[in-house]
């Protein structure tokens, strides 16, 4: 039986089956930030800046609240850039901060060229970019290309009439009459007349059909996500031009790049063919166990699971991304892709096989390893190395359960958190941290449906609890509300805030935070960790993942014990030119630093050893 995993929230949580099979067109270009000197796009050796950078994702509602309304904002981010500088962060990725009705907390955009008032103003944004430039921290924005809010002026015009000039900016189709040869089906939209059915069988990952009926114009519009997020029609050149003008608006304002949301879903099959079902798939948790009450072939909302071959990862996506890359290159900017792929071959396509596309397509195949497994992580790293592009690695984000919980089990430990840092920050590629990950922040999942704010949790409870748990406020202090706000926080604070917070951990030399600081500092100072090649060692060891990073005659060895028992490993480095007298000078370990011999390395439970290799 094929299994469907459910380890990590909507885009991860309900898309695991993929692993199986104003606002007018003319935009004024402000330039207060752009007028300043831009940071160099290349280093002295010709490497692009994003290859050396440590990225840090910020969920603005939850990072820092400057006006004590319980919701984070841009001034809050700006006030803590000094903290991010001390951590060693080079670039921040801010999830959507554009005007929005907040149905999906910013991923339903109603204006692509302004700032959501609850977060601040364009002046606040410019101030943040300018302060970041002083602290050598670039700003990357989340750009939602696939869909808008249903309250965006484009969509309001589109739904006003079938003859509207904006009608073809979205995907509208006639429905189908009910099949009288089959038992009556329940209406998939209560507004549809006479049992009329949607144009095809496509389902939304937010639950239910992916089509909503509009009584005014008597047609259905398509939404891959929530009904409040109608999909744009990227086959319309006017949509293309409008979105590219919005991108240029932010590049001119000093943005260093975009994280491209859901870029694998930009295009749909023009013939609207039905997706094939997955009748034997069953929803599973992060540990691989079937969810209680899960029904084979059904998602958390009772809809048929399907392999989305006609509305996901279509070839036309790549043409748009190649064009966007050309625009980004004019500004020395980076594109990070939310690229849900079934295999490495698909991931390779997003790098660009004939023309350059996304510099950093996210490798969710790596992030979807939901247990500490040296063989599985080793396998995924080998696969992404084979893709030929520059890897990008992450463990968690605003859609994925926090790493502290996923890998630490029911009783997470700081040692596991340090182990994850040791892996993420020593691989060849660009790491992306999720805010609070450097503290060992844990999930605080809702305990009842009444507590849920995330729309997918509201619809899918209890099988789908939503993403609130990984979006709780940043933990700054051990005081009230973890120092996030003096008002009522929009989400509850995670339970471990009194011990896992910036203030307390900064004073503790053995804290998770100070281990992250040390690991990032080592990464920045050692070119072998940034530009060196990756050579896997002891590839049959079930417990210890070890590898070399080599650059211009300089070599570092990384050994990570992914088991709860102490391990002794013997590494044969003769193939790399190191004899029996080779020594390892400890640079960073998760306990007391000590030198070791490759032939007999001792690692404590969940131990980390990073050392310089000497002949």
Protein backbone atom coordinates (compact mmCIF):
# COMPACT_ATOMS: atom_id res chain seq x y z
CA UNK A 1 0.00 0.00 0.00
CA UNK A 2 1.33 3.42 -0.90
CA UNK A 3 1.47 5.73 2.08
CA UNK A 4 0.68 9.40 2.36
CA UNK A 5 2.64 11.27 4.98
CA UNK A 6 1.27 14.20 6.92
CA UNK A 7 4.16 15.66 8.82
CA UNK A 8 4.04 19.31 8.21
CA UNK A 9 1.11 21.52 7.37
CA UNK A 10 -0.73 22.67 4.35
CA UNK A 11 1.80 23.01 1.63
CA UNK A 12 3.78 20.20 3.23
CA UNK A 13 0.99 18.53 5.18
CA UNK A 14 -1.61 18.15 2.48
CA UNK A 15 0.71 17.90 -0.52
CA UNK A 16 2.64 14.81 0.51
CA UNK A 17 0.86 12.81 -2.21
CA UNK A 18 3.03 14.65 -4.69
CA UNK A 19 5.98 12.81 -3.32
CA UNK A 20 4.24 9.65 -4.35
CA UNK A 21 3.48 9.54 -7.77
CA UNK A 22 -3.32 52.03 -7.27
CA UNK A 23 -3.25 48.61 -8.06
CA UNK A 24 -3.70 49.72 -11.65
CA UNK A 25 -1.27 48.57 -14.28
CA UNK A 26 0.95 51.66 -14.11
CA UNK A 27 3.16 51.62 -11.00
CA UNK A 28 5.19 54.52 -9.70
CA UNK A 29 8.75 53.55 -8.83
CA UNK A 30 9.84 55.03 -5.49
CA UNK A 31 13.54 54.87 -4.87
CA UNK A 32 14.56 55.95 -1.38
CA UNK A 33 16.29 52.63 -0.73
CA UNK A 34 17.41 52.04 -4.29
CA UNK A 35 19.19 55.38 -4.39
CA UNK A 36 21.63 54.11 -1.79
CA UNK A 37 24.73 52.14 -2.73
CA UNK A 38 23.85 48.50 -3.33
CA UNK A 39 25.83 45.71 -1.68
CA UNK A 40 28.17 43.82 -3.99
CA UNK A 41 26.50 40.95 -5.83
CA UNK A 42 29.78 38.98 -6.06
CA UNK A 43 32.58 38.40 -3.58
CA UNK A 44 36.28 38.81 -4.36
CA UNK A 45 36.42 35.32 -5.87
CA UNK A 46 33.38 35.85 -8.08
CA UNK A 47 30.89 33.89 -5.98
CA UNK A 48 27.35 35.33 -5.77
CA UNK A 49 26.44 36.67 -2.34
CA UNK A 50 23.63 34.18 -1.73
CA UNK A 51 26.01 31.20 -1.84
CA UNK A 52 27.76 32.43 1.30
CA UNK A 53 24.67 33.77 3.05
CA UNK A 54 22.80 32.38 6.03
CA UNK A 55 19.09 33.14 5.49
CA UNK A 56 16.58 33.59 8.30
CA UNK A 57 12.83 33.36 7.75
CA UNK A 58 10.66 35.83 9.68
CA UNK A 59 6.91 35.46 10.07
CA UNK A 60 6.13 39.15 10.69
CA UNK A 61 2.98 38.58 12.78
CA UNK A 62 5.06 36.63 15.27
CA UNK A 63 8.54 38.15 15.41
CA UNK A 64 8.37 41.38 17.40
CA UNK A 65 5.49 43.73 18.28
CA UNK A 66 6.54 47.39 18.50
CA UNK A 67 3.11 48.91 19.28
CA UNK A 68 1.79 46.22 21.66
CA UNK A 69 -1.32 45.34 19.66
CA UNK A 70 -0.40 41.66 19.91
CA UNK A 71 0.77 41.40 16.29
CA UNK A 72 4.35 41.74 15.09
CA UNK A 73 5.33 44.48 12.66
CA UNK A 74 8.15 45.94 10.57
CA UNK A 75 9.39 48.30 13.27
CA UNK A 76 9.62 45.28 15.53
CA UNK A 77 11.83 43.54 12.98
CA UNK A 78 13.99 46.64 12.57
CA UNK A 79 14.48 46.94 16.33
CA UNK A 80 15.91 43.42 16.46
CA UNK A 81 18.23 43.52 13.46
CA UNK A 82 21.09 43.92 15.94
CA UNK A 83 20.18 40.52 17.36
CA UNK A 84 20.20 38.96 13.90
CA UNK A 85 23.56 40.57 13.22
CA UNK A 86 24.95 39.02 16.42
CA UNK A 87 23.58 35.65 15.30
CA UNK A 88 25.43 35.96 11.99
CA UNK A 89 22.43 36.22 9.66
CA UNK A 90 23.15 37.66 6.21
CA UNK A 91 19.62 37.90 4.78
CA UNK A 92 16.09 37.82 6.13
CA UNK A 93 13.15 36.36 4.24
CA UNK A 94 9.95 38.07 5.36
CA UNK A 95 6.70 36.23 4.65
CA UNK A 96 4.04 38.37 2.92
CA UNK A 97 3.70 41.86 4.35
CA UNK A 98 1.51 43.31 1.57
CA UNK A 99 -2.05 44.56 2.17
CA UNK A 100 -4.30 41.56 2.72
CA UNK A 101 -7.64 40.58 4.26
CA UNK A 102 -5.53 38.03 6.21
CA UNK A 103 -7.71 35.03 5.38
CA UNK A 104 -4.45 33.11 4.91
CA UNK A 105 -2.38 35.57 6.95
CA UNK A 106 -0.88 37.48 4.05
CA UNK A 107 -0.84 34.85 1.34
CA UNK A 108 -4.05 36.42 0.03
CA UNK A 109 -2.69 39.66 -1.41
CA UNK A 110 -4.95 42.61 -2.23
CA UNK A 111 -2.19 45.04 -3.31
CA UNK A 112 1.27 44.00 -4.48
CA UNK A 113 2.91 47.42 -4.12
CA UNK A 114 2.21 48.54 -0.57
CA UNK A 115 2.58 47.40 3.05
CA UNK A 116 -0.17 45.86 5.18
CA UNK A 117 -1.18 48.63 7.66
CA UNK A 118 -1.00 46.31 10.68
CA UNK A 119 2.70 45.85 9.85
CA UNK A 120 3.47 49.50 9.13
CA UNK A 121 4.07 51.69 6.12
CA UNK A 122 6.31 51.90 3.08
CA UNK A 123 8.42 54.35 5.08
CA UNK A 124 8.82 51.69 7.79
CA UNK A 125 9.84 49.22 5.11
CA UNK A 126 12.40 51.62 3.66
CA UNK A 127 13.78 52.21 7.15
CA UNK A 128 14.12 48.47 7.71
CA UNK A 129 15.97 47.99 4.40
CA UNK A 130 18.28 50.92 5.15
CA UNK A 131 19.06 49.66 8.65
CA UNK A 132 19.62 46.17 7.28
CA UNK A 133 22.09 47.55 4.77
CA UNK A 134 24.09 49.13 7.61
CA UNK A 135 24.12 45.79 9.42
CA UNK A 136 24.94 43.89 6.19
CA UNK A 137 21.60 42.11 6.28
CA UNK A 138 19.70 41.90 3.01
CA UNK A 139 15.90 41.77 2.80
CA UNK A 140 14.09 39.13 0.72
CA UNK A 141 10.31 39.29 0.32
CA UNK A 142 7.77 36.52 -0.13
CA UNK A 143 6.18 37.03 -3.56
CA UNK A 144 2.81 35.32 -4.06
CA UNK A 145 2.63 34.75 -7.81
CA UNK A 146 0.02 32.02 -8.13
CA UNK A 147 -3.06 33.80 -6.79
CA UNK A 148 -4.45 36.99 -5.29
CA UNK A 149 -7.03 37.76 -2.66
CA UNK A 150 -10.65 37.60 -3.78
CA UNK A 151 -10.77 41.23 -2.64
CA UNK A 152 -8.00 42.36 -4.96
CA UNK A 153 -9.36 44.99 -7.38
CA UNK A 154 -8.36 42.74 -10.27
CA UNK A 155 -10.62 39.96 -9.05
CA UNK A 156 -13.46 42.29 -8.08
CA UNK A 157 -13.41 43.55 -11.65
CA UNK A 158 -13.08 40.02 -13.01
CA UNK A 159 -16.16 38.72 -11.21
CA UNK A 160 -18.27 41.79 -11.98
CA UNK A 161 -19.19 40.62 -15.47
CA UNK A 162 -18.33 37.98 -18.05
CA UNK A 163 -17.42 40.85 -20.35
CA UNK A 164 -15.07 42.55 -17.88
CA UNK A 165 -11.64 43.39 -19.28
CA UNK A 166 -10.23 41.56 -16.21
CA UNK A 167 -12.33 38.42 -16.72
CA UNK A 168 -9.45 36.49 -18.28
CA UNK A 169 -7.05 37.49 -15.51
CA UNK A 170 -8.42 34.51 -13.57
CA UNK A 171 -9.63 31.04 -14.56
CA UNK A 172 -13.39 30.91 -15.12
CA UNK A 173 -15.25 27.94 -16.58
CA UNK A 174 -18.77 26.61 -16.94
CA UNK A 175 -19.76 23.77 -14.65
CA UNK A 176 -20.95 20.30 -15.61
CA UNK A 177 -24.50 18.97 -15.26
CA UNK A 178 -25.01 16.19 -12.72
CA UNK A 179 -24.48 12.66 -14.03
CA UNK A 180 -27.96 11.11 -13.88
CA UNK A 181 -26.50 7.62 -14.33
CA UNK A 182 -24.78 7.88 -10.96
CA UNK A 183 -26.22 8.23 -7.45
CA UNK A 184 -26.88 11.89 -6.61
CA UNK A 185 -23.75 13.68 -5.41
CA UNK A 186 -23.84 16.22 -2.60
CA UNK A 187 -23.47 19.76 -3.93
CA UNK A 188 -19.81 20.78 -3.92
CA UNK A 189 -20.92 24.40 -3.79
CA UNK A 190 -24.28 25.30 -2.20
CA UNK A 191 -24.65 28.24 -4.57
CA UNK A 192 -24.55 26.05 -7.68
CA UNK A 193 -28.01 25.56 -9.23
CA UNK A 194 -29.66 22.19 -9.74
CA UNK A 195 -26.78 20.05 -8.54
CA UNK A 196 -24.39 21.52 -11.09
CA UNK A 197 -20.89 20.09 -10.63
CA UNK A 198 -17.48 21.82 -10.90
CA UNK A 199 -15.64 21.81 -14.23
CA UNK A 200 -13.42 18.88 -13.15
CA UNK A 201 -12.31 16.81 -10.15
CA UNK A 202 -9.47 19.01 -8.95
CA UNK A 203 -9.35 19.48 -5.19
CA UNK A 204 -8.02 22.33 -3.09
CA UNK A 205 -5.27 21.60 -0.60
CA UNK A 206 -7.29 23.72 1.81
CA UNK A 207 -10.14 21.22 1.52
CA UNK A 208 -13.03 20.58 -0.83
CA UNK A 209 -13.26 21.22 -4.53
CA UNK A 210 -10.81 23.64 -6.15
CA UNK A 211 -13.73 25.49 -7.79
CA UNK A 212 -16.17 28.05 -6.40
CA UNK A 213 -19.43 28.99 -8.07
CA UNK A 214 -20.23 32.66 -8.65
CA UNK A 215 -24.01 33.27 -8.81
CA UNK A 216 -23.58 36.68 -10.44
CA UNK A 217 -21.86 35.49 -13.59
CA UNK A 218 -22.96 31.83 -13.28
CA UNK A 219 -19.50 30.37 -13.73
CA UNK A 220 -16.91 28.71 -11.53
CA UNK A 221 -13.47 30.12 -10.69
CA UNK A 222 -10.43 28.03 -9.84
CA UNK A 223 -8.51 28.21 -6.53
CA UNK A 224 -5.68 25.80 -5.73
CA UNK A 225 -5.72 27.09 -2.16
CA UNK A 226 -8.59 28.81 -0.31
CA UNK A 227 -11.69 30.11 -2.16
CA UNK A 228 -10.50 33.53 -1.01
CA UNK A 229 -7.34 32.97 -3.10
CA UNK A 230 -8.39 32.75 -6.77
CA UNK A 231 -5.64 31.60 -9.12
CA UNK A 232 -4.26 34.07 -11.63
CA UNK A 233 -4.34 33.10 -15.29
CA UNK A 234 -0.68 33.17 -16.26
CA UNK A 235 -1.58 32.40 -19.87
CA UNK A 236 -2.83 35.99 -20.08
CA UNK A 237 0.09 38.34 -21.03
CA UNK A 238 -1.51 41.16 -19.03
CA UNK A 239 -1.19 39.12 -15.83
CA UNK A 240 2.46 38.44 -16.65
CA UNK A 241 3.18 42.12 -17.24
CA UNK A 242 1.39 43.33 -14.12
CA UNK A 243 3.18 40.86 -11.85
CA UNK A 244 6.57 41.65 -13.35
CA UNK A 245 5.96 45.37 -12.77
CA UNK A 246 5.22 44.57 -9.13
CA UNK A 247 8.48 42.62 -8.89
CA UNK A 248 10.43 45.52 -10.37
CA UNK A 249 8.74 47.90 -7.91
CA UNK A 250 10.33 46.03 -4.98
CA UNK A 251 13.68 45.51 -6.67
CA UNK A 252 13.85 49.28 -7.17
CA UNK A 253 13.05 49.71 -3.49
CA UNK A 254 16.12 47.74 -2.43
CA UNK A 255 14.79 44.20 -2.06
CA UNK A 256 17.56 41.63 -2.55
CA UNK A 257 15.31 38.93 -3.94
CA UNK A 258 12.10 36.98 -3.62
CA UNK A 259 11.00 33.74 -2.09
CA UNK A 260 8.50 32.62 -4.72
CA UNK A 261 5.40 31.10 -3.18
CA UNK A 262 3.85 28.01 -4.79
CA UNK A 263 5.61 28.54 -8.12
CA UNK A 264 4.96 24.96 -9.15
CA UNK A 265 1.24 25.77 -9.47
CA UNK A 266 1.31 28.78 -11.83
CA UNK A 267 -0.16 26.94 -14.82
CA UNK A 268 -3.00 24.49 -15.32
CA UNK A 269 -3.92 22.12 -18.10
CA UNK A 270 -5.93 24.22 -20.59
CA UNK A 271 -8.24 21.26 -21.23
CA UNK A 272 -8.92 20.85 -17.48
CA UNK A 273 -8.43 17.08 -17.56
CA UNK A 274 -9.25 15.20 -14.35
CA UNK A 275 -6.37 14.25 -12.07
CA UNK A 276 -5.93 10.50 -11.44
CA UNK A 277 -7.01 9.31 -7.97
CA UNK A 278 -4.79 7.76 -5.29
CA UNK A 279 -7.20 5.23 -3.77
CA UNK A 280 -4.65 3.36 -1.63
CA UNK A 281 -2.94 6.34 -0.01
CA UNK A 282 -3.59 6.95 3.69
CA UNK A 283 -2.76 10.06 5.71
CA UNK A 284 0.14 9.59 8.10
CA UNK A 285 1.82 11.66 10.80
CA UNK A 286 5.43 12.84 10.82
CA UNK A 287 6.55 9.50 12.28
CA UNK A 288 4.88 7.58 9.46
CA UNK A 289 1.97 6.28 11.52
CA UNK A 290 -1.57 6.30 10.05
CA UNK A 291 -3.61 9.15 11.47
CA UNK A 292 -6.56 8.18 13.68
CA UNK A 293 -9.76 7.97 11.64
CA UNK A 294 -7.86 8.38 8.36
CA UNK A 295 -9.63 6.74 5.42
CA UNK A 296 -7.60 5.26 2.53
CA UNK A 297 -7.86 7.42 -0.55
CA UNK A 298 -9.32 10.40 1.33
CA UNK A 299 -7.71 13.62 2.53
CA UNK A 300 -8.32 15.27 5.90
CA UNK A 301 -11.49 16.86 4.50
CA UNK A 302 -12.98 13.65 3.08
CA UNK A 303 -12.15 14.49 -0.53
CA UNK A 304 -10.48 11.96 -2.86
CA UNK A 305 -6.70 12.10 -2.84
CA UNK A 306 -5.25 12.60 -6.29
CA UNK A 307 -1.98 12.94 -8.14
CA UNK A 308 -1.93 16.51 -9.40
CA UNK A 309 -0.47 15.98 -12.84
CA UNK A 310 -2.73 18.50 -14.60
CA UNK A 311 -2.50 21.46 -12.22
CA UNK A 312 1.00 21.23 -10.79
CA UNK A 313 4.55 21.31 -12.16
CA UNK A 314 3.52 22.03 -15.74
CA UNK A 315 6.31 22.86 -18.23
CA UNK A 316 5.02 26.40 -18.78
CA UNK A 317 6.13 27.31 -15.25
CA UNK A 318 9.73 27.30 -16.38
CA UNK A 319 9.26 29.91 -19.10
CA UNK A 320 7.96 32.44 -16.57
CA UNK A 321 10.74 31.64 -14.11
CA UNK A 322 13.40 32.06 -16.77
CA UNK A 323 12.02 35.51 -17.53
CA UNK A 324 11.84 36.44 -13.86
CA UNK A 325 15.44 35.30 -13.43
CA UNK A 326 16.50 37.68 -16.20
CA UNK A 327 14.84 40.52 -14.29
CA UNK A 328 16.40 39.47 -10.98
CA UNK A 329 19.86 39.32 -12.55
CA UNK A 330 19.58 43.00 -13.45
CA UNK A 331 19.58 43.73 -9.70
CA UNK A 332 21.99 41.03 -8.50
CA UNK A 333 18.99 39.51 -6.71
CA UNK A 334 18.22 35.96 -5.69
CA UNK A 335 15.13 33.83 -6.34
CA UNK A 336 14.23 31.18 -3.76
CA UNK A 337 11.54 28.79 -4.90
CA UNK A 338 8.85 26.97 -2.97
CA UNK A 339 9.25 24.07 -5.35
CA UNK A 340 7.36 20.95 -4.35
CA UNK A 341 8.86 18.25 -6.51
CA UNK A 342 8.38 14.49 -6.66
CA UNK A 343 12.02 13.73 -7.39
CA UNK A 344 15.44 15.20 -8.07
CA UNK A 345 14.80 15.28 -11.82
CA UNK A 346 11.98 17.77 -11.25
CA UNK A 347 14.13 19.77 -8.83
CA UNK A 348 16.86 19.96 -11.47
CA UNK A 349 14.40 21.52 -13.90
CA UNK A 350 13.83 24.47 -11.57
CA UNK A 351 17.53 25.34 -11.64
CA UNK A 352 17.10 25.68 -15.40
CA UNK A 353 18.26 23.08 -17.89
CA UNK A 354 18.50 25.33 -20.94
CA UNK A 355 18.18 28.79 -19.37
CA UNK A 356 18.84 29.92 -15.81
CA UNK A 357 15.80 29.85 -13.54
CA UNK A 358 15.70 29.78 -9.73
CA UNK A 359 19.08 30.01 -7.99
CA UNK A 360 17.74 28.36 -4.84
CA UNK A 361 14.84 25.94 -5.38
CA UNK A 362 14.00 24.53 -1.97
CA UNK A 363 14.79 20.85 -1.49
CA UNK A 364 11.74 19.67 0.44
CA UNK A 365 12.83 16.09 -0.15
CA UNK A 366 15.51 16.83 2.46
CA UNK A 367 13.10 18.68 4.75
CA UNK A 368 10.67 15.78 4.53
CA UNK A 369 13.06 13.42 6.29
CA UNK A 370 11.07 13.32 9.52
CA UNK A 371 13.40 11.33 11.77
CA UNK A 372 17.05 11.34 12.70
CA UNK A 373 18.43 8.86 10.19
CA UNK A 374 22.03 9.00 9.02
CA UNK A 375 21.31 6.77 5.98
CA UNK A 376 18.27 8.81 4.91
CA UNK A 377 19.94 12.22 5.28
CA UNK A 378 23.03 10.85 3.53
CA UNK A 379 20.86 9.62 0.66
CA UNK A 380 19.00 12.91 0.27
CA UNK A 381 22.21 14.96 0.30
CA UNK A 382 23.67 12.70 -2.39
CA UNK A 383 20.54 13.17 -4.50
CA UNK A 384 20.53 16.95 -4.27
CA UNK A 385 24.28 17.02 -4.97
CA UNK A 386 23.49 15.15 -8.18
CA UNK A 387 21.04 17.87 -9.28
CA UNK A 388 23.94 20.01 -10.44
CA UNK A 389 22.80 23.31 -8.92
CA UNK A 390 23.62 25.05 -5.66
CA UNK A 391 21.71 23.29 -2.85
CA UNK A 392 19.46 25.04 -0.36
CA UNK A 393 18.57 23.32 2.90
CA UNK A 394 16.01 23.92 5.63
CA UNK A 395 14.32 21.91 8.36
CA UNK A 396 11.29 24.05 9.23
CA UNK A 397 9.25 27.01 8.09
CA UNK A 398 5.83 28.58 8.60
CA UNK A 399 4.21 25.50 7.03
CA UNK A 400 6.38 22.76 8.54
CA UNK A 401 6.34 21.54 12.15
CA UNK A 402 9.33 22.87 14.07
CA UNK A 403 12.47 20.76 13.93
CA UNK A 404 12.76 20.65 17.73
CA UNK A 405 9.57 18.56 17.81
CA UNK A 406 9.96 16.56 14.62
CA UNK A 407 13.41 15.24 15.43
CA UNK A 408 13.35 15.39 19.21
CA UNK A 409 10.28 13.22 19.65
CA UNK A 410 7.93 13.61 22.62
CA UNK A 411 10.78 14.82 24.85
CA UNK A 412 13.01 17.09 22.74
CA UNK A 413 16.53 17.84 23.95
CA UNK A 414 18.92 20.67 23.27
CA UNK A 415 21.50 18.12 22.15
CA UNK A 416 19.26 17.21 19.20
CA UNK A 417 18.83 20.91 18.38
CA UNK A 418 22.62 21.32 18.28
CA UNK A 419 22.92 18.24 16.09
CA UNK A 420 20.53 19.76 13.57
CA UNK A 421 22.54 22.98 13.57
CA UNK A 422 25.70 20.98 12.99
CA UNK A 423 24.13 19.39 9.91
CA UNK A 424 22.35 22.40 8.43
CA UNK A 425 25.31 24.78 8.75
CA UNK A 426 28.06 22.49 7.44
CA UNK A 427 26.53 21.09 4.25
CA UNK A 428 27.50 22.47 0.84
CA UNK A 429 24.68 24.86 0.08
CA UNK A 430 22.70 27.77 1.46
CA UNK A 431 20.96 27.22 4.82
CA UNK A 432 17.63 28.81 5.76
CA UNK A 433 16.82 29.08 9.47
CA UNK A 434 13.28 29.57 10.74
CA UNK A 435 12.88 32.21 13.43
CA UNK A 436 13.38 30.71 16.89
CA UNK A 437 14.99 27.57 15.50
CA UNK A 438 18.27 28.87 16.92
CA UNK A 439 16.67 28.83 20.39
CA UNK A 440 15.14 25.38 20.26
CA UNK A 441 11.63 26.81 20.03
CA UNK A 442 8.98 24.11 19.99
CA UNK A 443 5.54 23.82 18.47
CA UNK A 444 2.53 24.88 20.48
CA UNK A 445 -0.31 23.17 18.62
CA UNK A 446 -3.96 24.09 19.25
CA UNK A 447 -5.72 21.93 21.83
CA UNK A 448 -9.24 22.55 20.52
CA UNK A 449 -10.93 23.60 17.30
CA UNK A 450 -12.07 26.83 18.97
CA UNK A 451 -8.43 27.82 19.46
CA UNK A 452 -7.46 27.35 15.81
CA UNK A 453 -6.82 30.42 13.63
CA UNK A 454 -5.33 28.79 10.53
CA UNK A 455 -8.10 28.23 7.94
CA UNK A 456 -6.97 24.72 7.10
CA UNK A 457 -7.08 23.75 10.78
CA UNK A 458 -10.58 25.17 11.11
CA UNK A 459 -11.75 23.05 8.16
CA UNK A 460 -9.69 19.93 8.77
CA UNK A 461 -9.87 19.49 12.57
CA UNK A 462 -9.02 17.04 14.07
CA UNK A 463 -7.09 15.24 11.32
CA UNK A 464 -5.56 18.53 10.20
CA UNK A 465 -4.76 20.88 13.09
CA UNK A 466 -3.30 23.57 10.88
CA UNK A 467 -0.08 25.54 11.07
CA UNK A 468 -0.61 27.70 14.16
CA UNK A 469 1.75 25.51 16.18
CA UNK A 470 4.84 26.50 14.21
CA UNK A 471 3.88 30.19 14.03
CA UNK A 472 3.82 31.15 17.71
CA UNK A 473 5.52 34.38 18.87
CA UNK A 474 9.29 34.68 19.05
CA UNK A 475 10.67 34.07 22.53
CA UNK A 476 12.78 37.06 23.56
CA UNK A 477 12.70 36.83 27.36
CA UNK A 478 11.38 34.68 30.20
CA UNK A 479 8.95 37.46 31.14
CA UNK A 480 5.25 37.86 30.29
CA UNK A 481 4.41 36.84 26.72
CA UNK A 482 8.08 35.95 26.20
CA UNK A 483 8.85 39.65 25.67
CA UNK A 484 7.00 39.61 22.35
CA UNK A 485 4.31 42.11 23.37
CA UNK A 486 2.73 43.71 26.42
CA UNK A 487 -0.67 43.22 24.77
CA UNK A 488 -2.47 39.95 24.11
CA UNK A 489 -0.42 37.92 21.60
CA UNK A 490 -2.29 36.78 18.53
CA UNK A 491 -1.25 33.19 19.25
CA UNK A 492 -0.33 31.53 22.57
CA UNK A 493 3.32 31.38 23.58
CA UNK A 494 5.07 27.99 23.37
CA UNK A 495 5.51 26.21 26.69
CA UNK A 496 9.33 26.26 26.78
CA UNK A 497 9.69 30.05 26.58
CA UNK A 498 10.96 30.45 30.15
CA UNK A 499 14.08 28.43 29.41
CA UNK A 500 14.40 28.84 25.64
CA UNK A 501 14.58 32.56 24.92
CA UNK A 502 17.15 35.02 23.63
CA UNK A 503 17.83 36.70 26.96
CA UNK A 504 18.41 33.52 28.96
CA UNK A 505 20.31 31.63 26.29
CA UNK A 506 22.62 34.55 25.56
CA UNK A 507 23.94 34.19 29.13
CA UNK A 508 24.42 30.43 28.91
CA UNK A 509 27.61 29.43 27.04
CA UNK A 510 26.21 25.93 26.47
CA UNK A 511 22.84 27.03 25.08
CA UNK A 512 21.40 26.15 21.69
CA UNK A 513 21.61 29.82 20.71
CA UNK A 514 25.32 30.10 21.43
CA UNK A 515 25.97 26.86 19.56
CA UNK A 516 24.20 28.33 16.51
CA UNK A 517 26.24 31.52 16.85
CA UNK A 518 29.46 29.53 16.98
CA UNK A 519 28.47 27.34 14.03
CA UNK A 520 27.52 30.33 11.86
CA UNK A 521 30.71 32.14 12.84
CA UNK A 522 32.77 29.08 11.89
CA UNK A 523 30.90 28.84 8.58
CA UNK A 524 31.62 32.47 7.73
CA UNK A 525 35.31 32.18 8.60
CA UNK A 526 36.06 28.91 6.84
CA UNK A 527 35.86 28.75 3.06
CA UNK A 528 35.83 24.95 3.14
CA UNK A 529 32.38 25.12 4.77
CA UNK A 530 31.11 27.60 2.21
CA UNK A 531 32.68 26.68 -1.11
CA UNK A 532 34.30 23.32 -0.41
CA UNK A 533 33.20 20.11 -2.06
CA UNK A 534 31.23 17.47 -0.17
CA UNK A 535 32.70 13.99 0.26
CA UNK A 536 30.58 11.42 2.09
CA UNK A 537 32.38 9.07 4.49
CA UNK A 538 31.40 5.82 6.30
CA UNK A 539 28.42 5.50 3.99
CA UNK A 540 27.17 2.26 5.53
CA UNK A 541 27.14 3.48 9.13
CA UNK A 542 23.54 3.42 10.41
CA UNK A 543 24.15 5.94 13.19
CA UNK A 544 26.89 8.42 12.31
CA UNK A 545 26.83 10.71 9.30
CA UNK A 546 30.34 11.90 8.45
CA UNK A 547 31.70 13.90 5.55
CA UNK A 548 34.59 16.07 4.40
CA UNK A 549 34.40 19.63 3.15
CA UNK A 550 37.53 20.45 1.10
CA UNK A 551 38.66 23.69 -0.49
CA UNK A 552 42.06 24.51 -1.96
CA UNK A 553 44.01 22.05 0.14
CA UNK A 554 42.10 22.78 3.32
CA UNK A 555 39.81 20.10 4.75
CA UNK A 556 37.23 19.96 7.53
CA UNK A 557 35.63 16.80 8.82
CA UNK A 558 32.08 16.75 10.18
CA UNK A 559 30.79 13.81 12.23
CA UNK A 560 27.19 13.71 13.50
CA UNK A 561 25.89 10.99 15.80
CA UNK A 562 22.19 10.65 15.04
CA UNK A 563 21.57 8.03 17.70
CA UNK A 564 20.81 8.24 21.45
CA UNK A 565 23.82 6.03 22.21
CA UNK A 566 27.50 6.94 22.28
CA UNK A 567 29.32 5.82 19.14
CA UNK A 568 32.89 5.05 18.16
CA UNK A 569 33.66 5.25 14.45
CA UNK A 570 36.73 4.48 12.41
CA UNK A 571 37.15 6.59 9.29
CA UNK A 572 39.47 5.48 6.51
CA UNK A 573 40.71 8.64 4.81
CA UNK A 574 43.43 7.05 2.69
CA UNK A 575 41.34 7.66 -0.42
CA UNK A 576 41.50 11.38 0.35
CA UNK A 577 45.27 11.35 0.86
CA UNK A 578 45.38 11.12 4.65
CA UNK A 579 47.42 8.39 6.34
CA UNK A 580 47.20 6.73 9.73
CA UNK A 581 48.92 9.69 11.38
CA UNK A 582 46.16 12.10 10.42
CA UNK A 583 44.78 14.20 13.25
CA UNK A 584 41.63 16.23 13.78
CA UNK A 585 41.86 19.59 15.50
CA UNK A 586 38.49 20.33 17.08
CA UNK A 587 36.87 23.57 15.91
CA UNK A 588 33.35 23.06 17.26
CA UNK A 589 31.76 20.25 19.23
CA UNK A 590 28.52 19.91 21.12
CA UNK A 591 30.40 19.27 24.36
CA UNK A 592 33.94 19.99 25.58
CA UNK A 593 36.18 20.52 22.55
CA UNK A 594 38.83 17.87 22.07
CA UNK A 595 41.09 16.70 19.28
CA UNK A 596 40.51 13.24 17.83
CA UNK A 597 41.97 10.65 15.49
CA UNK A 598 39.92 9.73 12.41
CA UNK A 599 40.69 6.06 13.01
CA UNK A 600 38.95 6.12 16.38
CA UNK A 601 36.43 8.92 16.87
CA UNK A 602 34.24 8.97 19.95
CA UNK A 603 30.90 10.75 19.82
CA UNK A 604 28.46 11.21 22.69
CA UNK A 605 24.71 10.66 22.10
CA UNK A 606 23.56 13.10 19.39
CA UNK A 607 27.11 14.42 19.38
CA UNK A 608 28.59 16.90 16.91
CA UNK A 609 32.25 17.10 15.94
CA UNK A 610 33.63 19.59 13.44
CA UNK A 611 37.39 19.53 13.09
CA UNK A 612 40.25 20.60 10.87
CA UNK A 613 42.02 17.67 9.27
CA UNK A 614 45.81 17.60 9.58
CA UNK A 615 48.16 15.11 7.91
